[in-house]
N, C-alpha and C. Protein backbone atom coordinates (compact mmCIF):
# COMPACT_ATOMS: atom_id res chain seq x y z
N MET A 1 106.22 117.00 79.54
CA MET A 1 106.85 115.91 80.29
C MET A 1 108.29 116.28 80.63
N LYS A 2 108.70 115.95 81.85
CA LYS A 2 110.05 116.27 82.30
C LYS A 2 110.72 115.01 82.83
N PHE A 3 112.02 114.87 82.53
CA PHE A 3 112.78 113.70 82.95
C PHE A 3 113.88 114.11 83.94
N LEU A 4 114.16 113.20 84.88
CA LEU A 4 115.34 113.32 85.73
C LEU A 4 116.28 112.19 85.33
N ASP A 5 117.42 112.56 84.80
CA ASP A 5 118.36 111.59 84.25
C ASP A 5 119.10 110.85 85.36
N LEU A 6 119.06 109.52 85.33
CA LEU A 6 119.76 108.68 86.31
C LEU A 6 120.95 107.95 85.69
N SER A 7 121.34 108.34 84.50
CA SER A 7 122.37 107.58 83.78
C SER A 7 123.78 108.06 84.13
N GLN A 8 124.74 107.18 83.86
CA GLN A 8 126.16 107.51 83.93
C GLN A 8 126.69 107.69 82.51
N PRO A 9 127.59 108.64 82.30
CA PRO A 9 128.09 108.87 80.95
C PRO A 9 129.06 107.79 80.49
N ILE A 10 129.08 107.57 79.19
CA ILE A 10 130.05 106.67 78.56
C ILE A 10 131.01 107.52 77.73
N TYR A 11 132.30 107.27 77.90
CA TYR A 11 133.33 108.00 77.16
C TYR A 11 134.59 107.14 77.14
N ASP A 12 135.55 107.54 76.36
CA ASP A 12 136.78 106.77 76.23
C ASP A 12 137.45 106.59 77.60
N GLY A 13 137.64 105.32 77.98
CA GLY A 13 138.29 105.01 79.25
C GLY A 13 137.44 105.22 80.48
N CYS A 14 136.12 105.35 80.32
CA CYS A 14 135.27 105.60 81.48
C CYS A 14 135.30 104.41 82.44
N PRO A 15 135.04 104.64 83.73
CA PRO A 15 135.05 103.53 84.70
C PRO A 15 134.02 102.47 84.33
N ASN A 16 134.41 101.22 84.47
CA ASN A 16 133.49 100.11 84.24
C ASN A 16 133.97 98.90 85.05
N CYS A 17 133.23 97.82 84.96
CA CYS A 17 133.62 96.61 85.68
C CYS A 17 135.05 96.22 85.28
N PRO A 18 135.93 96.01 86.26
CA PRO A 18 137.35 95.79 85.93
C PRO A 18 137.64 94.50 85.17
N VAL A 19 136.72 93.54 85.15
CA VAL A 19 136.96 92.32 84.37
C VAL A 19 136.38 92.42 82.96
N HIS A 20 135.74 93.56 82.65
CA HIS A 20 135.23 93.79 81.30
C HIS A 20 136.28 94.52 80.47
N PRO A 21 136.15 94.48 79.14
CA PRO A 21 137.10 95.21 78.30
C PRO A 21 137.07 96.71 78.60
N ARG A 22 138.21 97.35 78.46
CA ARG A 22 138.28 98.81 78.59
C ARG A 22 137.41 99.46 77.53
N VAL A 23 136.74 100.54 77.92
CA VAL A 23 135.91 101.28 76.97
C VAL A 23 136.82 102.11 76.07
N VAL A 24 136.66 101.92 74.77
CA VAL A 24 137.45 102.65 73.79
C VAL A 24 136.51 103.41 72.86
N SER A 25 136.71 104.72 72.75
CA SER A 25 135.93 105.55 71.85
C SER A 25 136.89 106.36 70.99
N LYS A 26 136.76 106.23 69.69
CA LYS A 26 137.64 106.94 68.77
C LYS A 26 136.81 107.70 67.74
N VAL A 27 137.24 108.90 67.43
CA VAL A 27 136.63 109.66 66.34
C VAL A 27 137.23 109.13 65.04
N ILE A 28 136.38 108.64 64.14
CA ILE A 28 136.87 108.05 62.89
C ILE A 28 136.50 108.87 61.66
N ALA A 29 135.77 109.96 61.87
CA ALA A 29 135.49 110.90 60.78
C ALA A 29 135.29 112.28 61.39
N GLN A 30 135.84 113.30 60.74
CA GLN A 30 135.74 114.67 61.23
C GLN A 30 135.32 115.60 60.10
N HIS A 31 134.64 116.68 60.48
CA HIS A 31 134.17 117.63 59.47
C HIS A 31 135.31 118.22 58.66
N ALA A 32 136.43 118.50 59.32
CA ALA A 32 137.54 119.17 58.64
C ALA A 32 138.11 118.34 57.50
N THR A 33 138.08 117.00 57.66
CA THR A 33 138.68 116.13 56.64
C THR A 33 137.68 115.27 55.88
N ASP A 34 136.51 115.04 56.48
CA ASP A 34 135.55 114.10 55.89
C ASP A 34 134.18 114.71 55.60
N ASN A 35 133.97 115.94 56.07
CA ASN A 35 132.68 116.63 55.90
C ASN A 35 131.55 115.99 56.71
N TRP A 36 131.89 115.16 57.66
CA TRP A 36 130.92 114.58 58.59
C TRP A 36 131.67 114.14 59.84
N HIS A 37 130.93 113.73 60.85
CA HIS A 37 131.55 113.37 62.12
C HIS A 37 130.98 112.04 62.61
N MET A 38 131.84 111.12 63.10
CA MET A 38 131.38 109.83 63.60
C MET A 38 132.41 109.25 64.56
N GLU A 39 131.88 108.48 65.53
CA GLU A 39 132.72 107.81 66.51
C GLU A 39 132.62 106.29 66.34
N HIS A 40 133.67 105.60 66.74
CA HIS A 40 133.67 104.13 66.80
C HIS A 40 133.84 103.73 68.26
N LEU A 41 132.92 102.86 68.75
CA LEU A 41 132.93 102.44 70.15
C LEU A 41 133.28 100.96 70.26
N SER A 42 134.07 100.62 71.27
CA SER A 42 134.35 99.23 71.60
C SER A 42 134.13 99.07 73.10
N LEU A 43 133.13 98.27 73.46
CA LEU A 43 132.77 98.11 74.87
C LEU A 43 131.85 96.90 75.03
N ALA A 44 131.78 96.39 76.26
CA ALA A 44 130.89 95.27 76.55
C ALA A 44 129.45 95.76 76.63
N SER A 45 128.52 94.85 76.43
CA SER A 45 127.09 95.23 76.47
C SER A 45 126.62 95.61 77.87
N HIS A 46 127.40 95.26 78.89
CA HIS A 46 127.08 95.59 80.28
C HIS A 46 128.01 96.72 80.75
N THR A 47 127.93 97.84 80.06
CA THR A 47 128.80 98.99 80.34
C THR A 47 127.95 100.22 80.58
N GLY A 48 128.40 101.08 81.52
CA GLY A 48 127.62 102.26 81.85
C GLY A 48 126.28 101.85 82.43
N SER A 49 125.31 102.72 82.38
CA SER A 49 123.96 102.35 82.83
C SER A 49 123.43 101.28 81.90
N HIS A 50 123.11 100.14 82.46
CA HIS A 50 122.74 98.99 81.62
C HIS A 50 121.78 98.07 82.37
N ILE A 51 121.13 97.21 81.60
CA ILE A 51 120.19 96.24 82.15
C ILE A 51 120.76 94.84 81.98
N ASP A 52 120.69 94.05 83.07
CA ASP A 52 120.99 92.62 83.01
C ASP A 52 119.69 91.87 82.75
N ALA A 53 119.68 91.05 81.72
CA ALA A 53 118.59 90.11 81.50
C ALA A 53 118.96 88.77 82.15
N PRO A 54 117.99 87.89 82.41
CA PRO A 54 118.31 86.60 83.03
C PRO A 54 119.43 85.83 82.34
N LEU A 55 119.53 85.92 81.01
CA LEU A 55 120.55 85.20 80.27
C LEU A 55 121.97 85.55 80.73
N HIS A 56 122.14 86.69 81.36
CA HIS A 56 123.46 87.11 81.83
C HIS A 56 124.05 86.10 82.80
N LYS A 57 123.21 85.47 83.62
CA LYS A 57 123.71 84.51 84.61
C LYS A 57 123.01 83.15 84.54
N ILE A 58 121.90 83.08 83.83
CA ILE A 58 121.10 81.85 83.80
C ILE A 58 121.14 81.24 82.40
N ALA A 59 121.75 80.07 82.28
CA ALA A 59 121.81 79.40 80.97
C ALA A 59 120.39 79.14 80.46
N GLY A 60 120.11 79.57 79.24
CA GLY A 60 118.78 79.39 78.68
C GLY A 60 117.77 80.41 79.17
N GLY A 61 118.22 81.40 79.96
CA GLY A 61 117.32 82.41 80.49
C GLY A 61 116.87 83.41 79.43
N LYS A 62 115.91 84.24 79.81
CA LYS A 62 115.41 85.26 78.90
C LYS A 62 116.52 86.22 78.49
N SER A 63 116.50 86.60 77.21
CA SER A 63 117.40 87.64 76.73
C SER A 63 116.73 89.00 76.88
N ILE A 64 117.47 90.05 76.62
CA ILE A 64 116.91 91.39 76.74
C ILE A 64 115.76 91.60 75.76
N SER A 65 115.84 90.95 74.61
CA SER A 65 114.79 91.13 73.60
C SER A 65 113.56 90.26 73.85
N ASP A 66 113.62 89.40 74.86
CA ASP A 66 112.45 88.58 75.21
C ASP A 66 111.44 89.34 76.08
N PHE A 67 111.85 90.48 76.61
CA PHE A 67 110.96 91.28 77.43
C PHE A 67 110.21 92.29 76.57
N PRO A 68 108.92 92.52 76.83
CA PRO A 68 108.23 93.63 76.16
C PRO A 68 108.78 94.95 76.69
N LEU A 69 108.78 95.98 75.86
CA LEU A 69 109.29 97.27 76.31
C LEU A 69 108.58 97.78 77.55
N GLU A 70 107.31 97.45 77.68
CA GLU A 70 106.53 97.91 78.83
C GLU A 70 107.11 97.41 80.16
N ALA A 71 107.86 96.31 80.11
CA ALA A 71 108.44 95.76 81.34
C ALA A 71 109.45 96.70 81.97
N PHE A 72 110.03 97.59 81.16
CA PHE A 72 111.11 98.45 81.63
C PHE A 72 110.63 99.84 82.07
N ALA A 73 109.34 99.98 82.25
CA ALA A 73 108.77 101.23 82.74
C ALA A 73 107.71 100.92 83.78
N GLY A 74 107.69 101.70 84.86
CA GLY A 74 106.69 101.46 85.89
C GLY A 74 106.97 102.25 87.15
N ASP A 75 106.22 101.94 88.18
CA ASP A 75 106.38 102.61 89.47
C ASP A 75 107.63 102.11 90.18
N ALA A 76 108.41 103.06 90.67
CA ALA A 76 109.65 102.72 91.37
C ALA A 76 109.62 103.25 92.80
N LEU A 77 110.32 102.53 93.67
CA LEU A 77 110.49 102.95 95.06
C LEU A 77 111.98 103.11 95.33
N LEU A 78 112.36 104.25 95.85
CA LEU A 78 113.76 104.53 96.14
C LEU A 78 114.10 104.10 97.57
N VAL A 79 115.17 103.35 97.71
CA VAL A 79 115.66 102.93 99.03
C VAL A 79 116.96 103.70 99.30
N ASP A 80 116.89 104.64 100.23
CA ASP A 80 118.03 105.50 100.52
C ASP A 80 118.93 104.81 101.54
N VAL A 81 120.05 104.28 101.04
CA VAL A 81 121.05 103.66 101.92
C VAL A 81 122.39 104.35 101.69
N ARG A 82 122.34 105.67 101.54
CA ARG A 82 123.57 106.42 101.30
C ARG A 82 124.51 106.41 102.49
N ASP A 83 124.02 106.00 103.64
CA ASP A 83 124.89 105.88 104.81
C ASP A 83 125.57 104.51 104.90
N ALA A 84 125.38 103.69 103.88
CA ALA A 84 126.00 102.35 103.88
C ALA A 84 127.52 102.48 103.83
N LYS A 85 128.19 101.59 104.54
CA LYS A 85 129.64 101.58 104.58
C LYS A 85 130.20 100.75 103.41
N PRO A 86 131.47 100.94 103.07
CA PRO A 86 132.08 100.08 102.05
C PRO A 86 131.89 98.60 102.40
N ASP A 87 131.60 97.81 101.39
CA ASP A 87 131.43 96.36 101.52
C ASP A 87 130.20 95.96 102.32
N GLN A 88 129.32 96.90 102.65
CA GLN A 88 128.15 96.56 103.46
C GLN A 88 127.09 95.85 102.63
N PRO A 89 126.62 94.69 103.08
CA PRO A 89 125.50 94.03 102.39
C PRO A 89 124.18 94.68 102.78
N VAL A 90 123.31 94.84 101.81
CA VAL A 90 121.95 95.32 102.06
C VAL A 90 121.06 94.09 102.05
N GLY A 91 120.62 93.70 103.24
CA GLY A 91 119.89 92.45 103.37
C GLY A 91 118.41 92.63 103.62
N SER A 92 117.74 91.54 103.91
CA SER A 92 116.28 91.55 104.08
C SER A 92 115.85 92.40 105.28
N ALA A 93 116.62 92.40 106.35
CA ALA A 93 116.24 93.17 107.54
C ALA A 93 116.19 94.66 107.22
N LEU A 94 117.18 95.15 106.51
CA LEU A 94 117.22 96.57 106.16
C LEU A 94 116.14 96.90 105.14
N LEU A 95 115.94 96.04 104.16
CA LEU A 95 114.92 96.30 103.15
C LEU A 95 113.52 96.32 103.76
N SER A 96 113.24 95.39 104.64
CA SER A 96 111.91 95.34 105.25
C SER A 96 111.66 96.55 106.15
N LYS A 97 112.73 97.13 106.68
CA LYS A 97 112.60 98.34 107.48
C LYS A 97 112.34 99.56 106.61
N LYS A 98 113.00 99.60 105.44
CA LYS A 98 112.88 100.75 104.54
C LYS A 98 111.61 100.68 103.68
N LEU A 99 111.18 99.47 103.34
CA LEU A 99 110.04 99.28 102.43
C LEU A 99 108.90 98.66 103.23
N THR A 100 108.07 99.48 103.81
CA THR A 100 107.04 98.99 104.73
C THR A 100 105.71 98.69 104.05
N GLY A 101 105.51 99.19 102.84
CA GLY A 101 104.28 98.90 102.11
C GLY A 101 104.50 97.79 101.10
N THR A 102 103.52 97.57 100.25
CA THR A 102 103.67 96.53 99.23
C THR A 102 104.70 96.94 98.18
N ILE A 103 105.48 95.98 97.73
CA ILE A 103 106.44 96.24 96.65
C ILE A 103 106.10 95.41 95.42
N ALA A 104 104.95 94.77 95.41
CA ALA A 104 104.55 93.93 94.28
C ALA A 104 104.56 94.74 92.99
N ASP A 105 105.25 94.25 91.99
CA ASP A 105 105.37 94.85 90.65
C ASP A 105 106.09 96.19 90.66
N LYS A 106 106.77 96.51 91.75
CA LYS A 106 107.52 97.76 91.82
C LYS A 106 108.97 97.54 91.39
N ILE A 107 109.57 98.61 90.89
CA ILE A 107 110.99 98.63 90.55
C ILE A 107 111.71 99.26 91.75
N ILE A 108 112.57 98.50 92.39
CA ILE A 108 113.24 98.94 93.62
C ILE A 108 114.61 99.51 93.26
N LEU A 109 114.87 100.75 93.65
CA LEU A 109 116.11 101.43 93.32
C LEU A 109 116.93 101.67 94.58
N LEU A 110 118.11 101.07 94.64
CA LEU A 110 118.99 101.18 95.81
C LEU A 110 120.01 102.30 95.59
N ALA A 111 119.93 103.32 96.43
CA ALA A 111 120.84 104.47 96.34
C ALA A 111 121.89 104.36 97.44
N THR A 112 123.10 103.98 97.06
CA THR A 112 124.17 103.74 98.03
C THR A 112 125.18 104.89 98.12
N SER A 113 125.10 105.84 97.20
CA SER A 113 126.04 106.96 97.00
C SER A 113 127.25 106.57 96.17
N TRP A 114 127.36 105.28 95.80
CA TRP A 114 128.52 104.88 95.00
C TRP A 114 128.45 105.43 93.57
N GLY A 115 127.27 105.85 93.14
CA GLY A 115 127.18 106.51 91.84
C GLY A 115 127.92 107.83 91.82
N ASP A 116 128.00 108.49 92.97
CA ASP A 116 128.75 109.75 93.08
C ASP A 116 130.26 109.50 93.14
N ARG A 117 130.64 108.26 93.43
CA ARG A 117 132.07 107.95 93.60
C ARG A 117 132.65 107.23 92.39
N ARG A 118 131.90 107.19 91.31
CA ARG A 118 132.33 106.43 90.12
C ARG A 118 133.71 106.87 89.65
N ALA A 119 134.65 105.96 89.74
CA ALA A 119 136.02 106.23 89.37
C ALA A 119 136.75 104.90 89.24
N ALA A 120 137.78 104.89 88.41
CA ALA A 120 138.54 103.65 88.21
C ALA A 120 139.56 103.50 89.33
N ASN A 121 139.05 103.23 90.54
CA ASN A 121 139.95 103.06 91.67
C ASN A 121 139.52 101.84 92.50
N ASP A 122 140.31 101.51 93.50
CA ASP A 122 140.06 100.30 94.28
C ASP A 122 138.73 100.36 95.02
N GLU A 123 138.41 101.52 95.60
CA GLU A 123 137.17 101.64 96.37
C GLU A 123 135.96 101.37 95.48
N TRP A 124 135.88 102.04 94.35
CA TRP A 124 134.70 101.89 93.50
C TRP A 124 134.64 100.50 92.86
N HIS A 125 135.78 100.00 92.44
CA HIS A 125 135.80 98.69 91.80
C HIS A 125 135.43 97.55 92.77
N PHE A 126 135.95 97.60 93.99
CA PHE A 126 135.94 96.40 94.83
C PHE A 126 135.29 96.54 96.21
N HIS A 127 134.78 97.71 96.57
CA HIS A 127 134.31 97.88 97.95
C HIS A 127 132.96 98.57 98.06
N SER A 128 132.11 98.39 97.09
CA SER A 128 130.78 99.02 97.14
C SER A 128 129.86 98.28 98.10
N PRO A 129 128.87 98.98 98.67
CA PRO A 129 127.73 98.27 99.27
C PRO A 129 127.03 97.47 98.18
N TYR A 130 126.28 96.45 98.56
CA TYR A 130 125.65 95.60 97.55
C TYR A 130 124.41 94.92 98.12
N LEU A 131 123.59 94.43 97.23
CA LEU A 131 122.40 93.67 97.62
C LEU A 131 122.82 92.25 98.01
N ALA A 132 122.58 91.89 99.25
CA ALA A 132 122.94 90.56 99.74
C ALA A 132 122.00 89.51 99.17
N PRO A 133 122.43 88.25 99.12
CA PRO A 133 121.55 87.20 98.62
C PRO A 133 120.21 87.13 99.36
N ASP A 134 120.21 87.31 100.69
CA ASP A 134 118.94 87.23 101.41
C ASP A 134 118.06 88.46 101.09
N GLY A 135 118.68 89.59 100.76
CA GLY A 135 117.93 90.75 100.30
C GLY A 135 117.32 90.50 98.93
N ALA A 136 118.08 89.86 98.06
CA ALA A 136 117.56 89.50 96.74
C ALA A 136 116.37 88.55 96.87
N GLN A 137 116.49 87.57 97.76
CA GLN A 137 115.40 86.62 97.95
C GLN A 137 114.17 87.31 98.52
N TRP A 138 114.37 88.28 99.40
CA TRP A 138 113.25 89.04 99.97
C TRP A 138 112.50 89.80 98.88
N LEU A 139 113.23 90.39 97.95
CA LEU A 139 112.59 91.10 96.83
C LEU A 139 111.79 90.13 95.97
N VAL A 140 112.37 88.97 95.69
CA VAL A 140 111.66 87.95 94.89
C VAL A 140 110.41 87.48 95.63
N ASP A 141 110.54 87.17 96.91
CA ASP A 141 109.41 86.66 97.70
C ASP A 141 108.28 87.67 97.80
N ASN A 142 108.63 88.96 97.72
CA ASN A 142 107.63 90.02 97.82
C ASN A 142 107.22 90.57 96.45
N SER A 143 107.59 89.85 95.40
CA SER A 143 107.08 90.09 94.03
C SER A 143 107.50 91.42 93.41
N ALA A 144 108.68 91.93 93.78
CA ALA A 144 109.20 93.10 93.07
C ALA A 144 109.40 92.74 91.60
N ARG A 145 109.23 93.75 90.73
CA ARG A 145 109.41 93.49 89.30
C ARG A 145 110.88 93.49 88.90
N ALA A 146 111.65 94.43 89.49
CA ALA A 146 113.04 94.62 89.10
C ALA A 146 113.75 95.37 90.22
N VAL A 147 115.08 95.46 90.09
CA VAL A 147 115.86 96.18 91.09
C VAL A 147 117.02 96.87 90.40
N GLY A 148 117.40 98.04 90.91
CA GLY A 148 118.53 98.77 90.38
C GLY A 148 119.45 99.25 91.47
N ILE A 149 120.67 99.63 91.09
CA ILE A 149 121.66 100.11 92.06
C ILE A 149 122.62 101.07 91.36
N ASP A 150 123.23 101.95 92.14
CA ASP A 150 124.17 102.93 91.60
C ASP A 150 125.61 102.41 91.65
N HIS A 151 125.81 101.23 91.14
CA HIS A 151 127.13 100.61 91.01
C HIS A 151 127.07 99.65 89.84
N TYR A 152 128.26 99.27 89.32
CA TYR A 152 128.24 98.40 88.14
C TYR A 152 127.72 97.00 88.42
N SER A 153 127.64 96.61 89.71
CA SER A 153 127.18 95.26 90.04
C SER A 153 126.23 95.27 91.22
N ILE A 154 125.04 94.73 91.05
CA ILE A 154 124.04 94.65 92.11
C ILE A 154 124.56 93.83 93.29
N GLY A 155 125.41 92.84 93.01
CA GLY A 155 125.90 91.95 94.05
C GLY A 155 127.31 92.25 94.52
N GLY A 156 127.82 93.44 94.18
CA GLY A 156 129.18 93.77 94.55
C GLY A 156 130.20 93.05 93.68
N SER A 157 131.42 92.96 94.17
CA SER A 157 132.51 92.44 93.34
C SER A 157 133.01 91.07 93.77
N ARG A 158 132.47 90.53 94.88
CA ARG A 158 133.06 89.30 95.42
C ARG A 158 132.07 88.13 95.40
N ASP A 159 132.61 86.98 95.10
CA ASP A 159 131.84 85.75 95.21
C ASP A 159 132.08 85.14 96.60
N PRO A 160 131.12 84.36 97.12
CA PRO A 160 129.96 83.83 96.40
C PRO A 160 128.76 84.78 96.33
N ASP A 161 128.77 85.89 97.09
CA ASP A 161 127.57 86.73 97.17
C ASP A 161 127.18 87.32 95.83
N ASN A 162 128.14 87.82 95.05
CA ASN A 162 127.81 88.45 93.78
C ASN A 162 127.06 87.49 92.86
N THR A 163 127.62 86.32 92.66
CA THR A 163 126.97 85.34 91.79
C THR A 163 125.62 84.92 92.34
N ARG A 164 125.54 84.68 93.63
CA ARG A 164 124.28 84.19 94.21
C ARG A 164 123.19 85.26 94.12
N THR A 165 123.51 86.51 94.40
CA THR A 165 122.51 87.59 94.29
C THR A 165 121.98 87.68 92.87
N HIS A 166 122.87 87.66 91.89
CA HIS A 166 122.43 87.69 90.49
C HIS A 166 121.57 86.48 90.15
N GLU A 167 121.98 85.30 90.59
CA GLU A 167 121.23 84.09 90.27
C GLU A 167 119.83 84.12 90.85
N ILE A 168 119.69 84.62 92.07
CA ILE A 168 118.36 84.68 92.70
C ILE A 168 117.44 85.61 91.93
N LEU A 169 117.93 86.80 91.62
CA LEU A 169 117.10 87.78 90.91
C LEU A 169 116.79 87.34 89.49
N LEU A 170 117.83 87.01 88.74
CA LEU A 170 117.65 86.67 87.32
C LEU A 170 116.97 85.31 87.16
N GLY A 171 117.18 84.43 88.13
CA GLY A 171 116.50 83.14 88.09
C GLY A 171 115.00 83.25 88.30
N ALA A 172 114.57 84.39 88.87
CA ALA A 172 113.15 84.65 89.07
C ALA A 172 112.57 85.51 87.93
N ASN A 173 113.35 85.65 86.85
CA ASN A 173 112.95 86.43 85.66
C ASN A 173 112.78 87.92 85.96
N MET A 174 113.45 88.39 87.01
CA MET A 174 113.55 89.82 87.22
C MET A 174 114.65 90.37 86.31
N TRP A 175 114.60 91.66 86.03
CA TRP A 175 115.72 92.31 85.36
C TRP A 175 116.37 93.26 86.35
N VAL A 176 117.62 93.58 86.09
CA VAL A 176 118.43 94.39 87.00
C VAL A 176 119.02 95.55 86.21
N VAL A 177 118.91 96.76 86.75
CA VAL A 177 119.54 97.92 86.11
C VAL A 177 120.67 98.40 87.02
N GLU A 178 121.85 98.54 86.42
CA GLU A 178 123.06 98.84 87.19
C GLU A 178 123.75 100.10 86.67
N ASP A 179 124.66 100.60 87.49
CA ASP A 179 125.45 101.81 87.19
C ASP A 179 124.55 103.03 87.02
N LEU A 180 123.69 103.22 87.99
CA LEU A 180 122.82 104.40 88.03
C LEU A 180 123.53 105.55 88.74
N HIS A 181 122.95 106.73 88.61
CA HIS A 181 123.40 107.89 89.39
C HIS A 181 122.17 108.65 89.86
N PHE A 182 122.10 108.93 91.14
CA PHE A 182 120.93 109.59 91.71
C PHE A 182 121.26 111.05 92.07
N PRO A 183 120.76 112.02 91.28
CA PRO A 183 120.95 113.42 91.65
C PRO A 183 120.26 113.70 92.99
N GLU A 184 120.70 114.74 93.65
CA GLU A 184 120.15 115.08 94.96
C GLU A 184 118.64 115.27 94.91
N THR A 185 118.15 115.79 93.78
CA THR A 185 116.71 116.01 93.61
C THR A 185 115.90 114.74 93.80
N THR A 186 116.51 113.61 93.48
CA THR A 186 115.81 112.32 93.57
C THR A 186 115.21 112.11 94.96
N PHE A 187 115.91 112.55 95.98
CA PHE A 187 115.55 112.23 97.35
C PHE A 187 114.46 113.15 97.91
N THR A 188 114.00 114.09 97.09
CA THR A 188 112.91 114.98 97.51
C THR A 188 111.58 114.59 96.87
N LEU A 189 111.60 113.58 96.01
CA LEU A 189 110.40 113.22 95.24
C LEU A 189 109.47 112.33 96.05
N PRO A 190 108.16 112.51 95.88
CA PRO A 190 107.21 111.60 96.54
C PRO A 190 107.30 110.21 95.93
N GLN A 191 107.04 109.21 96.75
CA GLN A 191 107.10 107.80 96.33
C GLN A 191 105.69 107.23 96.16
N PRO A 192 105.49 106.32 95.19
CA PRO A 192 106.45 105.89 94.18
C PRO A 192 106.62 106.94 93.09
N VAL A 193 107.65 106.76 92.27
CA VAL A 193 107.94 107.67 91.17
C VAL A 193 108.00 106.85 89.89
N LYS A 194 107.63 107.46 88.77
CA LYS A 194 107.65 106.75 87.49
C LYS A 194 109.09 106.61 86.99
N PHE A 195 109.45 105.38 86.64
CA PHE A 195 110.80 105.07 86.18
C PHE A 195 110.73 104.43 84.80
N CYS A 196 111.73 104.73 83.97
CA CYS A 196 111.81 104.11 82.65
C CYS A 196 113.27 103.93 82.27
N ALA A 197 113.61 102.76 81.74
CA ALA A 197 114.97 102.50 81.26
C ALA A 197 114.87 101.58 80.05
N LEU A 198 114.75 102.16 78.87
CA LEU A 198 114.56 101.34 77.66
C LEU A 198 115.90 100.85 77.13
N PRO A 199 116.01 99.54 76.89
CA PRO A 199 117.25 99.00 76.34
C PRO A 199 117.31 99.18 74.82
N VAL A 200 118.52 99.09 74.29
CA VAL A 200 118.70 99.04 72.84
C VAL A 200 118.13 97.71 72.33
N ASN A 201 117.66 97.69 71.10
CA ASN A 201 117.05 96.48 70.52
C ASN A 201 118.14 95.50 70.08
N PHE A 202 118.83 94.92 71.07
CA PHE A 202 119.85 93.91 70.83
C PHE A 202 119.17 92.54 70.84
N SER A 203 119.14 91.88 69.73
CA SER A 203 118.40 90.63 69.61
C SER A 203 119.17 89.47 70.26
N GLY A 204 118.58 88.88 71.31
CA GLY A 204 119.16 87.72 71.96
C GLY A 204 120.30 88.02 72.91
N TYR A 205 120.53 89.29 73.24
CA TYR A 205 121.65 89.66 74.10
C TYR A 205 121.33 89.43 75.58
N SER A 206 122.39 89.30 76.36
CA SER A 206 122.25 89.10 77.82
C SER A 206 122.04 90.41 78.57
N GLY A 207 122.17 91.52 77.88
CA GLY A 207 121.98 92.81 78.51
C GLY A 207 122.12 93.92 77.49
N SER A 208 121.92 95.14 77.94
CA SER A 208 121.96 96.26 77.02
C SER A 208 122.20 97.56 77.77
N PHE A 209 122.88 98.48 77.10
CA PHE A 209 122.92 99.86 77.58
C PHE A 209 121.49 100.38 77.65
N CYS A 210 121.26 101.36 78.49
CA CYS A 210 119.94 101.97 78.59
C CYS A 210 120.10 103.41 79.04
N ARG A 211 119.01 104.16 78.98
CA ARG A 211 119.00 105.55 79.50
C ARG A 211 117.93 105.62 80.58
N PRO A 212 118.31 105.37 81.83
CA PRO A 212 117.33 105.37 82.92
C PRO A 212 116.92 106.79 83.30
N VAL A 213 115.62 106.99 83.45
CA VAL A 213 115.11 108.30 83.84
C VAL A 213 113.95 108.13 84.80
N LEU A 214 113.73 109.16 85.60
CA LEU A 214 112.48 109.30 86.35
C LEU A 214 111.60 110.28 85.58
N ILE A 215 110.32 109.95 85.48
CA ILE A 215 109.38 110.80 84.77
C ILE A 215 108.65 111.64 85.81
N LEU A 216 108.83 112.95 85.72
CA LEU A 216 108.34 113.85 86.73
C LEU A 216 107.00 114.45 86.32
N GLU A 217 106.16 114.70 87.31
CA GLU A 217 104.90 115.38 87.06
C GLU A 217 105.18 116.85 86.73
N THR A 218 104.49 117.38 85.73
CA THR A 218 104.69 118.78 85.36
C THR A 218 103.45 119.60 85.67
């Protein structure tokens, strides 16, 4: 079995949502002084490549531990929108043009190229392409299982669109995987492709770090 890694790395001070706590990673034990090695991490549960559960935006919604692990693995369809401009909404018209077959129970992955631009700067923080509310509703209406994007937020950084996009998806009990990175190899693969992003076993949490991968035929 071979994997294609779609994750973003986590490290001290790594780029993340600007309204979340700064990522802090400290070495608290070293071989030279302690005969072992260990790190201490301080970060929000929605940091790096991570999954949003409905509870993230929906009061009383499903937590990450309410989903069976099988929910986070399945057939995925890649939507190549790497030509999207800063702040461009990805709406129903564009999705229906790119996704011409059935998307029922599919995991839809939006590749905007912002995963390649990951940096703690104004462009990455505040000007990414994003899934528009009408695009989110189109995915729900067409029975997609989940959706992912190569940015920290599926709905971008601005309200009302950010909140509304999240509410539509999570209100339909979909899960969302964010802060992905798509290697160039991704765009040569036949569709659909097997995708898996298992969350940490955080009981009752609104989201979790994950390690998203594509499972390649060998």
